[in-house]
PDB file of all heavy atoms in Angstrom:
ATOM      1  N   TYR A   1       4.246  -7.785   2.785  1.00  0.00           N
ATOM      2  CA  TYR A   1       4.302  -8.920   3.706  1.00  0.00           C
ATOM      3  C   TYR A   1       3.317  -8.685   4.845  1.00  0.00           C
ATOM      4  O   TYR A   1       3.615  -7.970   5.803  1.00  0.00           O
ATOM      5  CB  TYR A   1       5.710  -9.099   4.258  1.00  0.00           C
ATOM      6  CG  TYR A   1       6.761  -9.431   3.225  1.00  0.00           C
ATOM      7  CD1 TYR A   1       7.406  -8.418   2.536  1.00  0.00           C
ATOM      8  CD2 TYR A   1       7.078 -10.755   2.947  1.00  0.00           C
ATOM      9  CE1 TYR A   1       8.362  -8.718   1.590  1.00  0.00           C
ATOM     10  CE2 TYR A   1       8.041 -11.077   2.000  1.00  0.00           C
ATOM     11  CZ  TYR A   1       8.679 -10.050   1.320  1.00  0.00           C
ATOM     12  OH  TYR A   1       9.632 -10.345   0.371  1.00  0.00           O
ATOM     13  N   PRO A   2       2.098  -9.271   4.777  1.00  0.00           N
ATOM     14  CA  PRO A   2       1.105  -9.058   5.848  1.00  0.00           C
ATOM     15  C   PRO A   2       1.573  -9.669   7.178  1.00  0.00           C
ATOM     16  O   PRO A   2       2.259 -10.698   7.204  1.00  0.00           O
ATOM     17  CB  PRO A   2      -0.148  -9.768   5.321  1.00  0.00           C
ATOM     18  CG  PRO A   2       0.085  -9.937   3.852  1.00  0.00           C
ATOM     19  CD  PRO A   2       1.557 -10.083   3.687  1.00  0.00           C
ATOM     20  N   ALA A   3       1.187  -9.047   8.274  1.00  0.00           N
ATOM     21  CA  ALA A   3       1.457  -9.586   9.602  1.00  0.00           C
ATOM     22  C   ALA A   3       0.514 -10.764   9.859  1.00  0.00           C
ATOM     23  O   ALA A   3      -0.518 -10.902   9.198  1.00  0.00           O
ATOM     24  CB  ALA A   3       1.277  -8.490  10.661  1.00  0.00           C
ATOM     25  N   PRO A   4       0.850 -11.630  10.794  1.00  0.00           N
ATOM     26  CA  PRO A   4      -0.061 -12.743  11.121  1.00  0.00           C
ATOM     27  C   PRO A   4      -1.466 -12.255  11.460  1.00  0.00           C
ATOM     28  O   PRO A   4      -1.642 -11.300  12.224  1.00  0.00           O
ATOM     29  CB  PRO A   4       0.612 -13.392  12.352  1.00  0.00           C
ATOM     30  CG  PRO A   4       2.072 -13.049  12.204  1.00  0.00           C
ATOM     31  CD  PRO A   4       2.086 -11.668  11.603  1.00  0.00           C
ATOM     32  N   GLY A   5      -2.453 -12.891  10.837  1.00  0.00           N
ATOM     33  CA  GLY A   5      -3.838 -12.530  11.085  1.00  0.00           C
ATOM     34  C   GLY A   5      -4.356 -11.389  10.245  1.00  0.00           C
ATOM     35  O   GLY A   5      -5.505 -10.969  10.410  1.00  0.00           O
ATOM     36  N   VAL A   6      -3.533 -10.854   9.348  1.00  0.00           N
ATOM     37  CA  VAL A   6      -3.932  -9.737   8.487  1.00  0.00           C
ATOM     38  C   VAL A   6      -3.942 -10.221   7.044  1.00  0.00           C
ATOM     39  O   VAL A   6      -3.020 -10.927   6.601  1.00  0.00           O
ATOM     40  CB  VAL A   6      -2.954  -8.545   8.639  1.00  0.00           C
ATOM     41  CG1 VAL A   6      -3.353  -7.391   7.718  1.00  0.00           C
ATOM     42  CG2 VAL A   6      -2.897  -8.076  10.096  1.00  0.00           C
ATOM     43  N   THR A   7      -4.981  -9.865   6.296  1.00  0.00           N
ATOM     44  CA  THR A   7      -5.053 -10.266   4.896  1.00  0.00           C
ATOM     45  C   THR A   7      -4.206  -9.336   4.028  1.00  0.00           C
ATOM     46  O   THR A   7      -3.911  -8.180   4.402  1.00  0.00           O
ATOM     47  CB  THR A   7      -6.500 -10.233   4.393  1.00  0.00           C
ATOM     48  OG1 THR A   7      -6.957  -8.873   4.377  1.00  0.00           O
ATOM     49  CG2 THR A   7      -7.407 -11.092   5.277  1.00  0.00           C
ATOM     50  N   ALA A   8      -3.829  -9.843   2.857  1.00  0.00           N
ATOM     51  CA  ALA A   8      -3.047  -9.033   1.936  1.00  0.00           C
ATOM     52  C   ALA A   8      -3.831  -7.810   1.483  1.00  0.00           C
ATOM     53  O   ALA A   8      -3.265  -6.711   1.313  1.00  0.00           O
ATOM     54  CB  ALA A   8      -2.633  -9.882   0.723  1.00  0.00           C
ATOM     55  N   GLY A   9      -5.144  -7.988   1.281  1.00  0.00           N
ATOM     56  CA  GLY A   9      -5.962  -6.855   0.853  1.00  0.00           C
ATOM     57  C   GLY A   9      -6.033  -5.776   1.901  1.00  0.00           C
ATOM     58  O   GLY A   9      -6.007  -4.578   1.589  1.00  0.00           O
ATOM     59  N   GLU A  10      -6.125  -6.175   3.163  1.00  0.00           N
ATOM     60  CA  GLU A  10      -6.197  -5.190   4.241  1.00  0.00           C
ATOM     61  C   GLU A  10      -4.890  -4.395   4.325  1.00  0.00           C
ATOM     62  O   GLU A  10      -4.887  -3.163   4.503  1.00  0.00           O
ATOM     63  CB  GLU A  10      -6.472  -5.900   5.576  1.00  0.00           C
ATOM     64  CG  GLU A  10      -6.694  -4.938   6.745  1.00  0.00           C
ATOM     65  CD  GLU A  10      -6.963  -5.667   8.056  1.00  0.00           C
ATOM     66  OE1 GLU A  10      -6.976  -6.926   8.036  1.00  0.00           O
ATOM     67  OE2 GLU A  10      -7.141  -4.998   9.082  1.00  0.00           O
ATOM     68  N   LEU A  11      -3.751  -5.096   4.181  1.00  0.00           N
ATOM     69  CA  LEU A  11      -2.463  -4.431   4.213  1.00  0.00           C
ATOM     70  C   LEU A  11      -2.324  -3.481   3.012  1.00  0.00           C
ATOM     71  O   LEU A  11      -1.850  -2.341   3.158  1.00  0.00           O
ATOM     72  CB  LEU A  11      -1.324  -5.453   4.202  1.00  0.00           C
ATOM     73  CG  LEU A  11       0.091  -4.886   4.045  1.00  0.00           C
ATOM     74  CD1 LEU A  11       0.433  -3.916   5.178  1.00  0.00           C
ATOM     75  CD2 LEU A  11       1.115  -6.024   3.983  1.00  0.00           C
ATOM     76  N   ALA A  12      -2.739  -3.933   1.837  1.00  0.00           N
ATOM     77  CA  ALA A  12      -2.636  -3.107   0.641  1.00  0.00           C
ATOM     78  C   ALA A  12      -3.475  -1.835   0.778  1.00  0.00           C
ATOM     79  O   ALA A  12      -3.051  -0.736   0.394  1.00  0.00           O
ATOM     80  CB  ALA A  12      -3.055  -3.898  -0.594  1.00  0.00           C
ATOM     81  N   GLU A  13      -4.683  -1.968   1.333  1.00  0.00           N
ATOM     82  CA  GLU A  13      -5.554  -0.796   1.498  1.00  0.00           C
ATOM     83  C   GLU A  13      -4.918   0.225   2.442  1.00  0.00           C
ATOM     84  O   GLU A  13      -4.890   1.418   2.161  1.00  0.00           O
ATOM     85  CB  GLU A  13      -6.914  -1.234   2.033  1.00  0.00           C
ATOM     86  CG  GLU A  13      -7.894  -0.082   2.230  1.00  0.00           C
ATOM     87  CD  GLU A  13      -9.193  -0.536   2.856  1.00  0.00           C
ATOM     88  OE1 GLU A  13      -9.299  -1.732   3.203  1.00  0.00           O
ATOM     89  OE2 GLU A  13     -10.091   0.305   3.025  1.00  0.00           O
ATOM     90  N   ALA A  14      -4.372  -0.269   3.563  1.00  0.00           N
ATOM     91  CA  ALA A  14      -3.757   0.635   4.523  1.00  0.00           C
ATOM     92  C   ALA A  14      -2.482   1.255   3.955  1.00  0.00           C
ATOM     93  O   ALA A  14      -2.203   2.447   4.181  1.00  0.00           O
ATOM     94  CB  ALA A  14      -3.448  -0.100   5.822  1.00  0.00           C
ATOM     95  N   ALA A  15      -1.713   0.458   3.204  1.00  0.00           N
ATOM     96  CA  ALA A  15      -0.478   0.974   2.605  1.00  0.00           C
ATOM     97  C   ALA A  15      -0.791   2.081   1.615  1.00  0.00           C
ATOM     98  O   ALA A  15      -0.101   3.112   1.555  1.00  0.00           O
ATOM     99  CB  ALA A  15       0.279  -0.165   1.923  1.00  0.00           C
ATOM    100  N   ARG A  16      -1.868   1.884   0.833  1.00  0.00           N
ATOM    101  CA  ARG A  16      -2.258   2.911  -0.126  1.00  0.00           C
ATOM    102  C   ARG A  16      -2.686   4.190   0.549  1.00  0.00           C
ATOM    103  O   ARG A  16      -2.235   5.277   0.211  1.00  0.00           O
ATOM    104  CB  ARG A  16      -3.393   2.376  -1.002  1.00  0.00           C
ATOM    105  CG  ARG A  16      -4.059   3.452  -1.862  1.00  0.00           C
ATOM    106  CD  ARG A  16      -5.271   2.899  -2.586  1.00  0.00           C
ATOM    107  NE  ARG A  16      -6.040   3.965  -3.194  1.00  0.00           N
ATOM    108  CZ  ARG A  16      -6.983   4.671  -2.557  1.00  0.00           C
ATOM    109  NH1 ARG A  16      -7.253   4.416  -1.284  1.00  0.00           N
ATOM    110  NH2 ARG A  16      -7.626   5.629  -3.204  1.00  0.00           N
ATOM    111  N   LEU A  17      -3.556   4.068   1.577  1.00  0.00           N
ATOM    112  CA  LEU A  17      -4.064   5.246   2.268  1.00  0.00           C
ATOM    113  C   LEU A  17      -2.919   6.025   2.944  1.00  0.00           C
ATOM    114  O   LEU A  17      -2.886   7.245   2.917  1.00  0.00           O
ATOM    115  CB  LEU A  17      -5.105   4.842   3.298  1.00  0.00           C
ATOM    116  CG  LEU A  17      -6.469   4.381   2.755  1.00  0.00           C
ATOM    117  CD1 LEU A  17      -7.329   3.820   3.862  1.00  0.00           C
ATOM    118  CD2 LEU A  17      -7.177   5.539   2.038  1.00  0.00           C
ATOM    119  N   SER A  18      -1.973   5.291   3.527  1.00  0.00           N
ATOM    120  CA  SER A  18      -0.894   5.956   4.241  1.00  0.00           C
ATOM    121  C   SER A  18       0.104   6.617   3.299  1.00  0.00           C
ATOM    122  O   SER A  18       0.910   7.439   3.730  1.00  0.00           O
ATOM    123  CB  SER A  18      -0.157   4.943   5.126  1.00  0.00           C
ATOM    124  OG  SER A  18       0.453   3.940   4.336  1.00  0.00           O
ATOM    125  N   SER A  19       0.033   6.242   2.015  1.00  0.00           N
ATOM    126  CA  SER A  19       1.000   6.786   1.047  1.00  0.00           C
ATOM    127  C   SER A  19       0.417   7.878   0.171  1.00  0.00           C
ATOM    128  O   SER A  19       1.144   8.511  -0.600  1.00  0.00           O
ATOM    129  CB  SER A  19       1.524   5.650   0.152  1.00  0.00           C
ATOM    130  OG  SER A  19       2.167   4.649   0.917  1.00  0.00           O
ATOM    131  N   LEU A  20      -0.897   8.096   0.266  1.00  0.00           N
ATOM    132  CA  LEU A  20      -1.503   9.117  -0.581  1.00  0.00           C
ATOM    133  C   LEU A  20      -0.907  10.499  -0.322  1.00  0.00           C
ATOM    134  O   LEU A  20      -0.809  11.337  -1.218  1.00  0.00           O
ATOM    135  CB  LEU A  20      -3.018   9.139  -0.365  1.00  0.00           C
ATOM    136  CG  LEU A  20      -3.812   7.962  -0.938  1.00  0.00           C
ATOM    137  CD1 LEU A  20      -5.276   8.048  -0.536  1.00  0.00           C
ATOM    138  CD2 LEU A  20      -3.679   7.922  -2.470  1.00  0.00           C
ATOM    139  N   ALA A  21      -0.504  10.750   0.926  1.00  0.00           N
ATOM    140  CA  ALA A  21       0.055  12.052   1.275  1.00  0.00           C
ATOM    141  C   ALA A  21       1.562  12.084   1.176  1.00  0.00           C
ATOM    142  O   ALA A  21       2.189  13.110   1.432  1.00  0.00           O
ATOM    143  CB  ALA A  21      -0.364  12.450   2.685  1.00  0.00           C
ATOM    144  N   ASP A  22       2.152  10.954   0.814  1.00  0.00           N
ATOM    145  CA  ASP A  22       3.617  10.854   0.717  1.00  0.00           C
ATOM    146  C   ASP A  22       4.031  11.204  -0.707  1.00  0.00           C
ATOM    147  O   ASP A  22       3.864  10.426  -1.633  1.00  0.00           O
ATOM    148  CB  ASP A  22       4.063   9.435   1.086  1.00  0.00           C
ATOM    149  CG  ASP A  22       5.570   9.294   1.137  1.00  0.00           C
ATOM    150  OD1 ASP A  22       6.263  10.276   0.776  1.00  0.00           O
ATOM    151  OD2 ASP A  22       6.056   8.218   1.512  1.00  0.00           O
ATOM    152  N   GLY A  23       4.580  12.390  -0.880  1.00  0.00           N
ATOM    153  CA  GLY A  23       4.957  12.834  -2.221  1.00  0.00           C
ATOM    154  C   GLY A  23       6.304  12.358  -2.683  1.00  0.00           C
ATOM    155  O   GLY A  23       6.740  12.700  -3.788  1.00  0.00           O
ATOM    156  N   THR A  24       6.980  11.540  -1.878  1.00  0.00           N
ATOM    157  CA  THR A  24       8.279  11.025  -2.302  1.00  0.00           C
ATOM    158  C   THR A  24       8.091   9.991  -3.388  1.00  0.00           C
ATOM    159  O   THR A  24       7.024   9.360  -3.512  1.00  0.00           O
ATOM    160  CB  THR A  24       9.019  10.399  -1.113  1.00  0.00           C
ATOM    161  OG1 THR A  24       8.273   9.256  -0.663  1.00  0.00           O
ATOM    162  CG2 THR A  24       9.169  11.392   0.027  1.00  0.00           C
ATOM    163  N   PRO A  25       9.129   9.712  -4.197  1.00  0.00           N
ATOM    164  CA  PRO A  25       9.015   8.682  -5.234  1.00  0.00           C
ATOM    165  C   PRO A  25       8.675   7.316  -4.639  1.00  0.00           C
ATOM    166  O   PRO A  25       7.922   6.549  -5.238  1.00  0.00           O
ATOM    167  CB  PRO A  25      10.398   8.676  -5.873  1.00  0.00           C
ATOM    168  CG  PRO A  25      10.938  10.053  -5.643  1.00  0.00           C
ATOM    169  CD  PRO A  25      10.413  10.457  -4.305  1.00  0.00           C
ATOM    170  N   GLU A  26       9.201   7.020  -3.446  1.00  0.00           N
ATOM    171  CA  GLU A  26       8.884   5.749  -2.829  1.00  0.00           C
ATOM    172  C   GLU A  26       7.412   5.650  -2.469  1.00  0.00           C
ATOM    173  O   GLU A  26       6.758   4.619  -2.665  1.00  0.00           O
ATOM    174  CB  GLU A  26       9.741   5.567  -1.552  1.00  0.00           C
ATOM    175  CG  GLU A  26      11.237   5.410  -1.820  1.00  0.00           C
ATOM    176  CD  GLU A  26      11.935   6.728  -2.006  1.00  0.00           C
ATOM    177  OE1 GLU A  26      11.266   7.791  -1.916  1.00  0.00           O
ATOM    178  OE2 GLU A  26      13.159   6.726  -2.268  1.00  0.00           O
ATOM    179  N   GLY A  27       6.856   6.770  -1.928  1.00  0.00           N
ATOM    180  CA  GLY A  27       5.435   6.788  -1.588  1.00  0.00           C
ATOM    181  C   GLY A  27       4.561   6.598  -2.803  1.00  0.00           C
ATOM    182  O   GLY A  27       3.572   5.845  -2.770  1.00  0.00           O
ATOM    183  N   ARG A  28       4.926   7.251  -3.896  1.00  0.00           N
ATOM    184  CA  ARG A  28       4.137   7.083  -5.132  1.00  0.00           C
ATOM    185  C   ARG A  28       4.209   5.654  -5.656  1.00  0.00           C
ATOM    186  O   ARG A  28       3.245   5.128  -6.200  1.00  0.00           O
ATOM    187  CB  ARG A  28       4.641   8.066  -6.175  1.00  0.00           C
ATOM    188  CG  ARG A  28       4.335   9.536  -5.857  1.00  0.00           C
ATOM    189  CD  ARG A  28       4.532  10.431  -7.069  1.00  0.00           C
ATOM    190  NE  ARG A  28       5.917  10.461  -7.503  1.00  0.00           N
ATOM    191  CZ  ARG A  28       6.837  11.326  -7.065  1.00  0.00           C
ATOM    192  NH1 ARG A  28       6.469  12.238  -6.173  1.00  0.00           N
ATOM    193  NH2 ARG A  28       8.063  11.301  -7.512  1.00  0.00           N
ATOM    194  N   SER A  29       5.386   5.012  -5.477  1.00  0.00           N
ATOM    195  CA  SER A  29       5.517   3.643  -5.986  1.00  0.00           C
ATOM    196  C   SER A  29       4.641   2.674  -5.187  1.00  0.00           C
ATOM    197  O   SER A  29       4.174   1.664  -5.738  1.00  0.00           O
ATOM    198  CB  SER A  29       6.986   3.207  -5.945  1.00  0.00           C
ATOM    199  OG  SER A  29       7.404   2.914  -4.623  1.00  0.00           O
ATOM    200  N   ILE A  30       4.405   2.966  -3.904  1.00  0.00           N
ATOM    201  CA  ILE A  30       3.523   2.097  -3.105  1.00  0.00           C
ATOM    202  C   ILE A  30       2.087   2.194  -3.617  1.00  0.00           C
ATOM    203  O   ILE A  30       1.392   1.172  -3.775  1.00  0.00           O
ATOM    204  CB  ILE A  30       3.595   2.503  -1.624  1.00  0.00           C
ATOM    205  CG1 ILE A  30       4.994   2.227  -1.062  1.00  0.00           C
ATOM    206  CG2 ILE A  30       2.538   1.756  -0.810  1.00  0.00           C
ATOM    207  CD1 ILE A  30       5.216   2.783   0.330  1.00  0.00           C
ATOM    208  N   VAL A  31       1.667   3.413  -3.915  1.00  0.00           N
ATOM    209  CA  VAL A  31       0.307   3.599  -4.465  1.00  0.00           C
ATOM    210  C   VAL A  31       0.185   2.864  -5.803  1.00  0.00           C
ATOM    211  O   VAL A  31      -0.810   2.200  -6.090  1.00  0.00           O
ATOM    212  CB  VAL A  31      -0.002   5.098  -4.633  1.00  0.00           C
ATOM    213  CG1 VAL A  31      -1.357   5.281  -5.321  1.00  0.00           C
ATOM    214  CG2 VAL A  31       0.000   5.797  -3.277  1.00  0.00           C
ATOM    215  N   GLU A  32       1.225   2.949  -6.640  1.00  0.00           N
ATOM    216  CA  GLU A  32       1.198   2.276  -7.944  1.00  0.00           C
ATOM    217  C   GLU A  32       1.155   0.760  -7.776  1.00  0.00           C
ATOM    218  O   GLU A  32       0.449   0.062  -8.522  1.00  0.00           O
ATOM    219  CB  GLU A  32       2.436   2.680  -8.755  1.00  0.00           C
ATOM    220  CG  GLU A  32       2.433   4.140  -9.178  1.00  0.00           C
ATOM    221  CD  GLU A  32       3.779   4.589  -9.732  1.00  0.00           C
ATOM    222  OE1 GLU A  32       4.691   3.706  -9.821  1.00  0.00           O
ATOM    223  OE2 GLU A  32       3.947   5.770 -10.028  1.00  0.00           O
ATOM    224  N   LEU A  33       1.908   0.235  -6.802  1.00  0.00           N
ATOM    225  CA  LEU A  33       1.894  -1.209  -6.560  1.00  0.00           C
ATOM    226  C   LEU A  33       0.496  -1.684  -6.142  1.00  0.00           C
ATOM    227  O   LEU A  33      -0.008  -2.703  -6.641  1.00  0.00           O
ATOM    228  CB  LEU A  33       2.908  -1.565  -5.475  1.00  0.00           C
ATOM    229  CG  LEU A  33       2.921  -3.011  -4.967  1.00  0.00           C
ATOM    230  CD1 LEU A  33       3.378  -3.965  -6.065  1.00  0.00           C
ATOM    231  CD2 LEU A  33       3.792  -3.151  -3.740  1.00  0.00           C
ATOM    232  N   CYS A  34      -0.129  -0.962  -5.235  1.00  0.00           N
ATOM    233  CA  CYS A  34      -1.487  -1.334  -4.765  1.00  0.00           C
ATOM    234  C   CYS A  34      -2.505  -1.215  -5.892  1.00  0.00           C
ATOM    235  O   CYS A  34      -3.448  -2.021  -5.968  1.00  0.00           O
ATOM    236  CB  CYS A  34      -1.886  -0.464  -3.574  1.00  0.00           C
ATOM    237  SG  CYS A  34      -0.841  -0.686  -2.105  1.00  0.00           S
ATOM    238  N   ALA A  35      -2.337  -0.232  -6.729  1.00  0.00           N
ATOM    239  CA  ALA A  35      -3.279  -0.077  -7.852  1.00  0.00           C
ATOM    240  C   ALA A  35      -3.102  -1.202  -8.865  1.00  0.00           C
ATOM    241  O   ALA A  35      -4.079  -1.756  -9.389  1.00  0.00           O
ATOM    242  CB  ALA A  35      -3.058   1.278  -8.522  1.00  0.00           C
ATOM    243  N   ARG A  36      -1.836  -1.570  -9.130  1.00  0.00           N
ATOM    244  CA  ARG A  36      -1.571  -2.583 -10.147  1.00  0.00           C
ATOM    245  C   ARG A  36      -1.932  -3.991  -9.689  1.00  0.00           C
ATOM    246  O   ARG A  36      -2.545  -4.772 -10.428  1.00  0.00           O
ATOM    247  CB  ARG A  36      -0.095  -2.523 -10.538  1.00  0.00           C
ATOM    248  CG  ARG A  36       0.288  -3.496 -11.658  1.00  0.00           C
ATOM    249  CD  ARG A  36       1.753  -3.381 -12.030  1.00  0.00           C
ATOM    250  NE  ARG A  36       2.623  -3.833 -10.935  1.00  0.00           N
ATOM    251  CZ  ARG A  36       3.506  -3.064 -10.318  1.00  0.00           C
ATOM    252  NH1 ARG A  36       3.611  -1.787 -10.657  1.00  0.00           N
ATOM    253  NH2 ARG A  36       4.268  -3.548  -9.350  1.00  0.00           N
ATOM    254  N   ASP A  37      -1.568  -4.349  -8.454  1.00  0.00           N
ATOM    255  CA  ASP A  37      -1.745  -5.730  -8.011  1.00  0.00           C
ATOM    256  C   ASP A  37      -3.041  -6.001  -7.257  1.00  0.00           C
ATOM    257  O   ASP A  37      -3.464  -7.143  -7.125  1.00  0.00           O
ATOM    258  CB  ASP A  37      -0.557  -6.127  -7.104  1.00  0.00           C
ATOM    259  CG  ASP A  37       0.749  -6.215  -7.854  1.00  0.00           C
ATOM    260  OD1 ASP A  37       0.738  -6.033  -9.087  1.00  0.00           O
ATOM    261  OD2 ASP A  37       1.799  -6.435  -7.217  1.00  0.00           O
ATOM    262  N   PHE A  38      -3.685  -4.924  -6.745  1.00  0.00           N
ATOM    263  CA  PHE A  38      -4.906  -5.121  -5.956  1.00  0.00           C
ATOM    264  C   PHE A  38      -6.096  -4.339  -6.488  1.00  0.00           C
ATOM    265  O   PHE A  38      -7.171  -4.364  -5.906  1.00  0.00           O
ATOM    266  CB  PHE A  38      -4.653  -4.725  -4.505  1.00  0.00           C
ATOM    267  CG  PHE A  38      -3.615  -5.604  -3.822  1.00  0.00           C
ATOM    268  CD1 PHE A  38      -2.292  -5.235  -3.836  1.00  0.00           C
ATOM    269  CD2 PHE A  38      -3.990  -6.787  -3.223  1.00  0.00           C
ATOM    270  CE1 PHE A  38      -1.335  -6.039  -3.229  1.00  0.00           C
ATOM    271  CE2 PHE A  38      -3.042  -7.595  -2.598  1.00  0.00           C
ATOM    272  CZ  PHE A  38      -1.693  -7.225  -2.612  1.00  0.00           C
TER     273      PHE A  38
END
């Protein structure tokens, strides 16, 4: 859910980068979502 004034692609890129170091299953699922949908 992008914030006002932010594109979906920009949010997806930041979400992916912030999750690369997150070794939890939730963190990995964020990377997978960004890879699959964007």
